[in-house]
Amino acid sequence: MAGVAAPGKSLLNTDEAGQRLRKARERLGLTFRAVADASQRIAEKRGNEEYSIGLSRLSEIENNGTLPTIYRLYALSTIYRLDFLEVLSWYGVNLADQPGDAQTREIEQTHSIHYSTMGFGEIQAPLSLDPGVDLTKTTFLSRVITRWGALPLHLLNSADARRKRYAVVGSEDWSMHPILQPGSLLVINESSRVMNNGWTNEWDRPIYFLETRDGWLCGWCHLDRDRLVVMFHPSSAEPPQVFLYPNDIEIIGQVVAVATTFETSRRRRNRPSDAG
């Protein structure tokens, strides 16, 4: 069958890739119908029905290891806010391997090369938010945010840029307000090290971005052996949460930069802590 990994084929692990896509969908709280509808809107925008993903096909991709077409893989990556190149790597395609693989056949004539991994040129890809994604919840953007606007690709080749991750605070996530405003863009330095002390006030205390079984969190942390306590700003009235570490929670890294908005029209006026 076209698009399905052949039995016993070892080059791809389409079952595992399908499970990763399912996990990404579930973390955003999207149903099959929501994904199908979003993909149809992408297909209509692009004028190409190949981007559209039916309910049965989506189920086959997630549960049966069906290999999606490049159009459908693009649609899923876009809807789930995943880095397309990373999703390609789940299916065994790593563009960083192109220069090395090209050496298997020498070209005698002088020629130019156009691998995107060389880092020349610009990308023009402002991020547009598709309906169906719940931005009231904190969402992990990773490298997708680097695709906003025109950006010289060579800037992405630095080791420093590769160590950074990106996330956005949900529009209804007030757990670290006023330090982190809802809707803020976060830059995260990848590290699993938790500092239990060494700060003088709440603004100096490190804030961590964390992945749990139910989604993502931002908060202060205290690690005591296999117990990780996640604490939120007192103004949020959110109680601390305790997790078994590393079984039930993963530390993505420390928040090192924040881009936020001061538009008062985007601030919720009646938060639970304001009612009292």
C-alpha atoms as a PDB file:
ATOM      1  CA  MET A   1       0.000   0.000   0.000  1.00  0.00           C
ATOM      2  CA  ALA A   2       1.340   3.426  -0.932  1.00  0.00           C
ATOM      3  CA  GLY A   3       2.402   5.533   1.996  1.00  0.00           C
ATOM      4  CA  VAL A   4       2.733   2.615   4.423  1.00  0.00           C
ATOM      5  CA  ALA A   5       6.067   1.397   5.694  1.00  0.00           C
ATOM      6  CA  ALA A   6       6.927  -2.016   4.298  1.00  0.00           C
ATOM      7  CA  PRO A   7       6.936  -4.893   6.826  1.00  0.00           C
ATOM      8  CA  GLY A   8      10.326  -5.361   8.398  1.00  0.00           C
ATOM      9  CA  LYS A   9      11.694  -2.123   6.967  1.00  0.00           C
ATOM     10  CA  SER A  10      14.300  -0.836   9.422  1.00  0.00           C
ATOM     11  CA  LEU A  11      15.060   2.579   7.918  1.00  0.00           C
ATOM     12  CA  LEU A  12      11.951   4.172   9.395  1.00  0.00           C
ATOM     13  CA  ASN A  13      10.118   3.781  12.637  1.00  0.00           C
ATOM     14  CA  THR A  14       6.796   5.122  11.451  1.00  0.00           C
ATOM     15  CA  ASP A  15       4.970   3.660  14.438  1.00  0.00           C
ATOM     16  CA  GLU A  16       7.059   5.751  16.846  1.00  0.00           C
ATOM     17  CA  ALA A  17       6.726   8.839  14.647  1.00  0.00           C
ATOM     18  CA  GLY A  18       2.957   8.399  14.572  1.00  0.00           C
ATOM     19  CA  GLN A  19       2.875   8.146  18.351  1.00  0.00           C
ATOM     20  CA  ARG A  20       4.851  11.386  18.661  1.00  0.00           C
ATOM     21  CA  LEU A  21       2.346  13.126  16.411  1.00  0.00           C
ATOM     22  CA  ARG A  22      -0.517  11.757  18.502  1.00  0.00           C
ATOM     23  CA  LYS A  23       1.171  12.992  21.680  1.00  0.00           C
ATOM     24  CA  ALA A  24       1.594  16.464  20.160  1.00  0.00           C
ATOM     25  CA  ARG A  25      -2.076  16.560  19.178  1.00  0.00           C
ATOM     26  CA  GLU A  26      -3.317  15.415  22.580  1.00  0.00           C
ATOM     27  CA  ARG A  27      -1.183  17.956  24.442  1.00  0.00           C
ATOM     28  CA  LEU A  28      -2.881  20.726  22.507  1.00  0.00           C
ATOM     29  CA  GLY A  29      -6.289  19.238  23.258  1.00  0.00           C
ATOM     30  CA  LEU A  30      -7.127  18.794  19.557  1.00  0.00           C
ATOM     31  CA  THR A  31      -9.619  16.225  18.311  1.00  0.00           C
ATOM     32  CA  PHE A  32      -9.317  14.369  15.013  1.00  0.00           C
ATOM     33  CA  ARG A  33     -12.088  16.586  13.661  1.00  0.00           C
ATOM     34  CA  ALA A  34     -10.280  19.796  14.691  1.00  0.00           C
ATOM     35  CA  VAL A  35      -7.083  18.641  12.941  1.00  0.00           C
ATOM     36  CA  ALA A  36      -8.997  17.575   9.819  1.00  0.00           C
ATOM     37  CA  ASP A  37     -10.786  20.930   9.650  1.00  0.00           C
ATOM     38  CA  ALA A  38      -7.542  22.875  10.157  1.00  0.00           C
ATOM     39  CA  SER A  39      -5.799  20.858   7.438  1.00  0.00           C
ATOM     40  CA  GLN A  40      -8.692  21.553   5.074  1.00  0.00           C
ATOM     41  CA  ARG A  41      -8.297  25.281   5.675  1.00  0.00           C
ATOM     42  CA  ILE A  42      -4.586  24.987   4.858  1.00  0.00           C
ATOM     43  CA  ALA A  43      -5.485  23.077   1.677  1.00  0.00           C
ATOM     44  CA  GLU A  44      -7.941  25.786   0.657  1.00  0.00           C
ATOM     45  CA  LYS A  45      -5.402  28.515   1.390  1.00  0.00           C
ATOM     46  CA  ARG A  46      -2.732  26.730  -0.665  1.00  0.00           C
ATOM     47  CA  GLY A  47      -5.127  25.637  -3.399  1.00  0.00           C
ATOM     48  CA  ASN A  48      -3.959  22.045  -3.035  1.00  0.00           C
ATOM     49  CA  GLU A  49      -6.109  19.262  -1.569  1.00  0.00           C
ATOM     50  CA  GLU A  50      -2.971  17.224  -0.836  1.00  0.00           C
ATOM     51  CA  TYR A  51      -2.642  19.192   2.423  1.00  0.00           C
ATOM     52  CA  SER A  52      -6.026  17.952   3.622  1.00  0.00           C
ATOM     53  CA  ILE A  53      -6.054  15.026   6.073  1.00  0.00           C
ATOM     54  CA  GLY A  54      -9.176  12.920   6.507  1.00  0.00           C
ATOM     55  CA  LEU A  55     -10.204  11.396   9.808  1.00  0.00           C
ATOM     56  CA  SER A  56      -9.375   7.840   8.764  1.00  0.00           C
ATOM     57  CA  ARG A  57      -5.988   8.840   7.352  1.00  0.00           C
ATOM     58  CA  LEU A  58      -5.071  10.701  10.545  1.00  0.00           C
ATOM     59  CA  SER A  59      -5.972   7.604  12.569  1.00  0.00           C
ATOM     60  CA  GLU A  60      -3.790   5.443  10.305  1.00  0.00           C
ATOM     61  CA  ILE A  61      -0.846   7.833  10.654  1.00  0.00           C
ATOM     62  CA  GLU A  62      -1.060   7.787  14.455  1.00  0.00           C
ATOM     63  CA  ASN A  63      -2.025   4.169  15.086  1.00  0.00           C
ATOM     64  CA  ASN A  64      -0.871   2.092  12.111  1.00  0.00           C
ATOM     65  CA  GLY A  65       2.436   3.683  11.169  1.00  0.00           C
ATOM     66  CA  THR A  66       1.141   5.013   7.857  1.00  0.00           C
ATOM     67  CA  LEU A  67       3.705   7.287   6.227  1.00  0.00           C
ATOM     68  CA  PRO A  68       2.153  10.699   5.517  1.00  0.00           C
ATOM     69  CA  THR A  69       2.846  12.563   2.307  1.00  0.00           C
ATOM     70  CA  ILE A  70       5.105  15.594   2.496  1.00  0.00           C
ATOM     71  CA  TYR A  71       2.030  17.841   2.188  1.00  0.00           C
ATOM     72  CA  ARG A  72       0.226  16.175   5.072  1.00  0.00           C
ATOM     73  CA  LEU A  73       3.362  16.133   7.184  1.00  0.00           C
ATOM     74  CA  TYR A  74       3.690  19.876   6.610  1.00  0.00           C
ATOM     75  CA  ALA A  75       0.055  20.383   7.600  1.00  0.00           C
ATOM     76  CA  LEU A  76       0.455  18.369  10.806  1.00  0.00           C
ATOM     77  CA  SER A  77       3.682  20.163  11.733  1.00  0.00           C
ATOM     78  CA  THR A  78       2.013  23.524  11.179  1.00  0.00           C
ATOM     79  CA  ILE A  79      -1.144  22.697  13.112  1.00  0.00           C
ATOM     80  CA  TYR A  80       0.802  21.211  16.037  1.00  0.00           C
ATOM     81  CA  ARG A  81       3.368  24.041  16.083  1.00  0.00           C
ATOM     82  CA  LEU A  82       6.232  21.614  15.505  1.00  0.00           C
ATOM     83  CA  ASP A  83       9.493  22.263  13.705  1.00  0.00           C
ATOM     84  CA  PHE A  84       9.050  20.669  10.281  1.00  0.00           C
ATOM     85  CA  LEU A  85      12.684  19.605  10.004  1.00  0.00           C
ATOM     86  CA  GLU A  86      12.492  17.890  13.386  1.00  0.00           C
ATOM     87  CA  VAL A  87       9.347  16.004  12.345  1.00  0.00           C
ATOM     88  CA  LEU A  88      11.121  14.911   9.180  1.00  0.00           C
ATOM     89  CA  SER A  89      13.879  13.485  11.371  1.00  0.00           C
ATOM     90  CA  TRP A  90      11.265  11.351  13.169  1.00  0.00           C
ATOM     91  CA  TYR A  91      10.759   9.628   9.823  1.00  0.00           C
ATOM     92  CA  GLY A  92      14.481   9.187   9.235  1.00  0.00           C
ATOM     93  CA  VAL A  93      15.074  12.277   7.063  1.00  0.00           C
ATOM     94  CA  ASN A  94      17.758  14.604   8.434  1.00  0.00           C
ATOM     95  CA  LEU A  95      18.707  17.477   6.131  1.00  0.00           C
ATOM     96  CA  ALA A  96      21.953  17.935   8.017  1.00  0.00           C
ATOM     97  CA  ASP A  97      23.055  14.648   6.401  1.00  0.00           C
ATOM     98  CA  GLN A  98      22.786  16.044   2.867  1.00  0.00           C
ATOM     99  CA  PRO A  99      26.383  17.282   2.495  1.00  0.00           C
ATOM    100  CA  GLY A 100      27.783  13.963   3.740  1.00  0.00           C
ATOM    101  CA  ASP A 101      25.428  11.826   1.664  1.00  0.00           C
ATOM    102  CA  ALA A 102      26.275  13.870  -1.432  1.00  0.00           C
ATOM    103  CA  GLN A 103      29.820  12.571  -1.235  1.00  0.00           C
ATOM    104  CA  THR A 104      28.580   9.150  -2.351  1.00  0.00           C
ATOM    105  CA  ARG A 105      28.557  10.516  -5.918  1.00  0.00           C
ATOM    106  CA  GLU A 106      31.252  12.899  -7.056  1.00  0.00           C
ATOM    107  CA  ILE A 107      30.423  15.585  -9.624  1.00  0.00           C
ATOM    108  CA  GLU A 108      33.246  16.423 -11.940  1.00  0.00           C
ATOM    109  CA  GLN A 109      31.970  19.803 -13.074  1.00  0.00           C
ATOM    110  CA  THR A 110      32.227  22.889 -10.896  1.00  0.00           C
ATOM    111  CA  HIS A 111      28.787  23.499  -9.453  1.00  0.00           C
ATOM    112  CA  SER A 112      26.887  25.455  -6.865  1.00  0.00           C
ATOM    113  CA  ILE A 113      25.184  23.864  -3.865  1.00  0.00           C
ATOM    114  CA  HIS A 114      21.879  24.862  -2.352  1.00  0.00           C
ATOM    115  CA  TYR A 115      21.539  22.933   0.888  1.00  0.00           C
ATOM    116  CA  SER A 116      19.470  24.899   3.371  1.00  0.00           C
ATOM    117  CA  THR A 117      21.832  23.707   6.111  1.00  0.00           C
ATOM    118  CA  MET A 118      24.547  25.882   4.610  1.00  0.00           C
ATOM    119  CA  GLY A 119      22.720  28.804   6.218  1.00  0.00           C
ATOM    120  CA  PHE A 120      22.627  31.324   3.366  1.00  0.00           C
ATOM    121  CA  GLY A 121      19.653  33.416   2.321  1.00  0.00           C
ATOM    122  CA  GLU A 122      16.523  34.364   4.208  1.00  0.00           C
ATOM    123  CA  ILE A 123      13.266  32.758   5.183  1.00  0.00           C
ATOM    124  CA  GLN A 124       9.977  34.598   4.939  1.00  0.00           C
ATOM    125  CA  ALA A 125       7.462  32.777   7.125  1.00  0.00           C
ATOM    126  CA  PRO A 126       5.363  34.808   9.514  1.00  0.00           C
ATOM    127  CA  LEU A 127       3.525  32.469  11.851  1.00  0.00           C
ATOM    128  CA  SER A 128      -0.243  32.468  11.362  1.00  0.00           C
ATOM    129  CA  LEU A 129      -2.371  30.813  14.019  1.00  0.00           C
ATOM    130  CA  ASP A 130      -4.826  28.271  12.717  1.00  0.00           C
ATOM    131  CA  PRO A 131      -8.247  27.900  14.383  1.00  0.00           C
ATOM    132  CA  GLY A 132      -8.522  24.962  16.752  1.00  0.00           C
ATOM    133  CA  VAL A 133      -5.367  25.583  18.793  1.00  0.00           C
ATOM    134  CA  ASP A 134      -6.116  26.562  22.368  1.00  0.00           C
ATOM    135  CA  LEU A 135      -3.797  29.472  23.126  1.00  0.00           C
ATOM    136  CA  THR A 136      -5.311  29.937  26.554  1.00  0.00           C
ATOM    137  CA  LYS A 137      -2.875  27.207  27.621  1.00  0.00           C
ATOM    138  CA  THR A 138       0.894  27.538  27.801  1.00  0.00           C
ATOM    139  CA  THR A 139       2.314  26.134  24.559  1.00  0.00           C
ATOM    140  CA  PHE A 140       5.786  24.887  23.602  1.00  0.00           C
ATOM    141  CA  LEU A 141       6.967  26.592  20.394  1.00  0.00           C
ATOM    142  CA  SER A 142      10.569  25.373  20.292  1.00  0.00           C
ATOM    143  CA  ARG A 143      12.301  26.659  17.176  1.00  0.00           C
ATOM    144  CA  VAL A 144       9.135  27.551  15.285  1.00  0.00           C
ATOM    145  CA  ILE A 145       9.326  31.121  16.532  1.00  0.00           C
ATOM    146  CA  THR A 146      12.536  31.654  14.561  1.00  0.00           C
ATOM    147  CA  ARG A 147      10.427  31.550  11.416  1.00  0.00           C
ATOM    148  CA  TRP A 148       8.674  34.824  12.167  1.00  0.00           C
ATOM    149  CA  GLY A 149       9.456  37.375   9.483  1.00  0.00           C
ATOM    150  CA  ALA A 150      12.635  37.643   7.439  1.00  0.00           C
ATOM    151  CA  LEU A 151      15.586  36.034   9.158  1.00  0.00           C
ATOM    152  CA  PRO A 152      19.072  35.328   7.738  1.00  0.00           C
ATOM    153  CA  LEU A 153      19.573  31.599   7.986  1.00  0.00           C
ATOM    154  CA  HIS A 154      23.221  31.933   8.977  1.00  0.00           C
ATOM    155  CA  LEU A 155      22.062  33.356  12.311  1.00  0.00           C
ATOM    156  CA  LEU A 156      20.481  30.001  13.114  1.00  0.00           C
ATOM    157  CA  ASN A 157      23.716  28.104  12.599  1.00  0.00           C
ATOM    158  CA  SER A 158      25.397  29.397  15.738  1.00  0.00           C
ATOM    159  CA  ALA A 159      25.824  26.994  18.628  1.00  0.00           C
ATOM    160  CA  ASP A 160      24.162  29.509  20.928  1.00  0.00           C
ATOM    161  CA  ALA A 161      20.962  29.581  18.849  1.00  0.00           C
ATOM    162  CA  ARG A 162      20.798  25.803  18.742  1.00  0.00           C
ATOM    163  CA  ARG A 163      20.884  25.622  22.525  1.00  0.00           C
ATOM    164  CA  LYS A 164      17.850  27.875  22.856  1.00  0.00           C
ATOM    165  CA  ARG A 165      14.230  26.761  22.945  1.00  0.00           C
ATOM    166  CA  TYR A 166      11.104  28.856  22.659  1.00  0.00           C
ATOM    167  CA  ALA A 167       7.688  28.834  24.294  1.00  0.00           C
ATOM    168  CA  VAL A 168       4.679  31.064  24.763  1.00  0.00           C
ATOM    169  CA  VAL A 169       2.761  31.606  27.999  1.00  0.00           C
ATOM    170  CA  GLY A 170      -0.935  30.842  27.559  1.00  0.00           C
ATOM    171  CA  SER A 171      -3.278  33.808  27.330  1.00  0.00           C
ATOM    172  CA  GLU A 172      -5.066  32.487  30.419  1.00  0.00           C
ATOM    173  CA  ASP A 173      -1.995  31.291  32.313  1.00  0.00           C
ATOM    174  CA  TRP A 174      -1.521  33.666  35.246  1.00  0.00           C
ATOM    175  CA  SER A 175       0.627  31.309  37.322  1.00  0.00           C
ATOM    176  CA  MET A 176       3.753  33.527  37.203  1.00  0.00           C
ATOM    177  CA  HIS A 177       2.117  36.943  36.816  1.00  0.00           C
ATOM    178  CA  PRO A 178       3.339  39.674  37.134  1.00  0.00           C
ATOM    179  CA  ILE A 179       6.823  38.389  36.320  1.00  0.00           C
ATOM    180  CA  LEU A 180       5.552  36.528  33.247  1.00  0.00           C
ATOM    181  CA  GLN A 181       2.575  38.118  31.525  1.00  0.00           C
ATOM    182  CA  PRO A 182       0.059  35.848  29.761  1.00  0.00           C
ATOM    183  CA  GLY A 183       0.936  35.749  26.072  1.00  0.00           C
ATOM    184  CA  SER A 184       4.646  36.354  26.698  1.00  0.00           C
ATOM    185  CA  LEU A 185       7.229  34.778  24.436  1.00  0.00           C
ATOM    186  CA  LEU A 186       9.902  32.898  26.375  1.00  0.00           C
ATOM    187  CA  VAL A 187      13.488  32.102  25.408  1.00  0.00           C
ATOM    188  CA  ILE A 188      14.703  29.000  27.223  1.00  0.00           C
ATOM    189  CA  ASN A 189      18.275  27.891  27.807  1.00  0.00           C
ATOM    190  CA  GLU A 190      18.276  24.098  27.773  1.00  0.00           C
ATOM    191  CA  SER A 191      19.434  22.681  31.089  1.00  0.00           C
ATOM    192  CA  SER A 192      18.186  20.158  33.633  1.00  0.00           C
ATOM    193  CA  ARG A 193      20.060  21.770  36.530  1.00  0.00           C
ATOM    194  CA  VAL A 194      17.887  23.295  39.258  1.00  0.00           C
ATOM    195  CA  MET A 195      19.252  26.005  41.541  1.00  0.00           C
ATOM    196  CA  ASN A 196      17.791  25.610  45.046  1.00  0.00           C
ATOM    197  CA  ASN A 197      19.353  28.839  46.313  1.00  0.00           C
ATOM    198  CA  GLY A 198      21.565  31.786  45.338  1.00  0.00           C
ATOM    199  CA  TRP A 199      19.043  34.563  44.637  1.00  0.00           C
ATOM    200  CA  THR A 200      18.065  37.617  46.681  1.00  0.00           C
ATOM    201  CA  ASN A 201      14.499  38.301  45.492  1.00  0.00           C
ATOM    202  CA  GLU A 202      11.721  36.835  43.376  1.00  0.00           C
ATOM    203  CA  TRP A 203      12.905  38.659  40.248  1.00  0.00           C
ATOM    204  CA  ASP A 204      16.344  37.063  40.519  1.00  0.00           C
ATOM    205  CA  ARG A 205      15.038  33.569  41.242  1.00  0.00           C
ATOM    206  CA  PRO A 206      15.334  31.284  38.195  1.00  0.00           C
ATOM    207  CA  ILE A 207      12.109  30.369  36.417  1.00  0.00           C
ATOM    208  CA  TYR A 208      11.970  26.988  34.697  1.00  0.00           C
ATOM    209  CA  PHE A 209       9.968  25.671  31.785  1.00  0.00           C
ATOM    210  CA  LEU A 210       8.807  22.122  32.473  1.00  0.00           C
ATOM    211  CA  GLU A 211       7.027  19.322  30.652  1.00  0.00           C
ATOM    212  CA  THR A 212       4.557  17.103  32.517  1.00  0.00           C
ATOM    213  CA  ARG A 213       2.238  14.325  31.414  1.00  0.00           C
ATOM    214  CA  ASP A 214      -0.525  16.916  31.081  1.00  0.00           C
ATOM    215  CA  GLY A 215       1.358  19.697  29.294  1.00  0.00           C
ATOM    216  CA  TRP A 216       3.821  22.436  30.196  1.00  0.00           C
ATOM    217  CA  LEU A 217       4.417  24.619  33.240  1.00  0.00           C
ATOM    218  CA  CYS A 218       6.435  27.678  34.182  1.00  0.00           C
ATOM    219  CA  GLY A 219       7.514  28.155  37.772  1.00  0.00           C
ATOM    220  CA  TRP A 220      10.154  28.294  40.436  1.00  0.00           C
ATOM    221  CA  CYS A 221      11.579  24.923  41.396  1.00  0.00           C
ATOM    222  CA  HIS A 222      13.096  23.173  44.383  1.00  0.00           C
ATOM    223  CA  LEU A 223      14.624  19.749  43.862  1.00  0.00           C
ATOM    224  CA  ASP A 224      14.908  17.389  46.824  1.00  0.00           C
ATOM    225  CA  ARG A 225      16.299  14.064  45.627  1.00  0.00           C
ATOM    226  CA  ASP A 226      13.491  12.548  43.535  1.00  0.00           C
ATOM    227  CA  ARG A 227      10.902  15.207  44.424  1.00  0.00           C
ATOM    228  CA  LEU A 228      10.569  18.338  42.339  1.00  0.00           C
ATOM    229  CA  VAL A 229       8.424  21.067  43.847  1.00  0.00           C
ATOM    230  CA  VAL A 230       7.083  23.600  41.335  1.00  0.00           C
ATOM    231  CA  MET A 231       6.038  26.919  42.915  1.00  0.00           C
ATOM    232  CA  PHE A 232       4.099  29.757  41.332  1.00  0.00           C
ATOM    233  CA  HIS A 233       3.901  33.470  42.033  1.00  0.00           C
ATOM    234  CA  PRO A 234       1.933  34.223  45.237  1.00  0.00           C
ATOM    235  CA  SER A 235      -0.388  36.607  43.376  1.00  0.00           C
ATOM    236  CA  SER A 236      -1.701  33.723  41.281  1.00  0.00           C
ATOM    237  CA  ALA A 237      -3.026  31.860  44.355  1.00  0.00           C
ATOM    238  CA  GLU A 238      -1.869  28.651  42.644  1.00  0.00           C
ATOM    239  CA  PRO A 239      -0.713  26.014  45.164  1.00  0.00           C
ATOM    240  CA  PRO A 240       2.693  24.347  44.674  1.00  0.00           C
ATOM    241  CA  GLN A 241       2.781  21.081  42.762  1.00  0.00           C
ATOM    242  CA  VAL A 242       5.008  18.145  43.659  1.00  0.00           C
ATOM    243  CA  PHE A 243       6.245  15.675  41.038  1.00  0.00           C
ATOM    244  CA  LEU A 244       8.402  12.573  41.049  1.00  0.00           C
ATOM    245  CA  TYR A 245      11.570  13.540  39.188  1.00  0.00           C
ATOM    246  CA  PRO A 246      12.402  12.571  36.523  1.00  0.00           C
ATOM    247  CA  ASN A 247       9.554  10.058  36.122  1.00  0.00           C
ATOM    248  CA  ASP A 248       6.642  12.504  36.047  1.00  0.00           C
ATOM    249  CA  ILE A 249       8.250  15.758  34.928  1.00  0.00           C
ATOM    250  CA  GLU A 250      11.033  16.939  32.627  1.00  0.00           C
ATOM    251  CA  ILE A 251      12.985  20.166  32.995  1.00  0.00           C
ATOM    252  CA  ILE A 252      13.236  21.704  29.528  1.00  0.00           C
ATOM    253  CA  GLY A 253      15.382  24.558  30.783  1.00  0.00           C
ATOM    254  CA  GLN A 254      15.599  27.953  32.432  1.00  0.00           C
ATOM    255  CA  VAL A 255      13.758  31.006  31.131  1.00  0.00           C
ATOM    256  CA  VAL A 256      16.465  33.500  30.153  1.00  0.00           C
ATOM    257  CA  ALA A 257      14.541  36.124  28.171  1.00  0.00           C
ATOM    258  CA  VAL A 258      10.968  37.326  27.855  1.00  0.00           C
ATOM    259  CA  ALA A 259       9.103  39.328  25.221  1.00  0.00           C
ATOM    260  CA  THR A 260       5.778  40.605  26.487  1.00  0.00           C
ATOM    261  CA  THR A 261       2.999  43.066  25.752  1.00  0.00           C
ATOM    262  CA  PHE A 262       1.679  45.900  27.857  1.00  0.00           C
ATOM    263  CA  GLU A 263      -1.627  46.230  26.007  1.00  0.00           C
ATOM    264  CA  THR A 264      -4.184  46.656  28.784  1.00  0.00           C
ATOM    265  CA  SER A 265      -6.927  45.401  26.457  1.00  0.00           C
ATOM    266  CA  ARG A 266      -5.281  41.974  26.490  1.00  0.00           C
ATOM    267  CA  ARG A 267      -5.192  41.679  30.261  1.00  0.00           C
ATOM    268  CA  ARG A 268      -7.901  39.768  32.034  1.00  0.00           C
ATOM    269  CA  ARG A 269      -9.620  42.089  34.483  1.00  0.00           C
ATOM    270  CA  ASN A 270     -11.232  39.584  36.837  1.00  0.00           C
ATOM    271  CA  ARG A 271      -8.707  37.005  37.861  1.00  0.00           C
ATOM    272  CA  PRO A 272      -9.495  34.630  40.748  1.00  0.00           C
ATOM    273  CA  SER A 273      -6.980  36.446  42.956  1.00  0.00           C
ATOM    274  CA  ASP A 274      -8.695  39.777  42.207  1.00  0.00           C
ATOM    275  CA  ALA A 275     -12.109  38.570  43.330  1.00  0.00           C
ATOM    276  CA  GLY A 276     -11.086  38.220  46.923  1.00  0.00           C
END
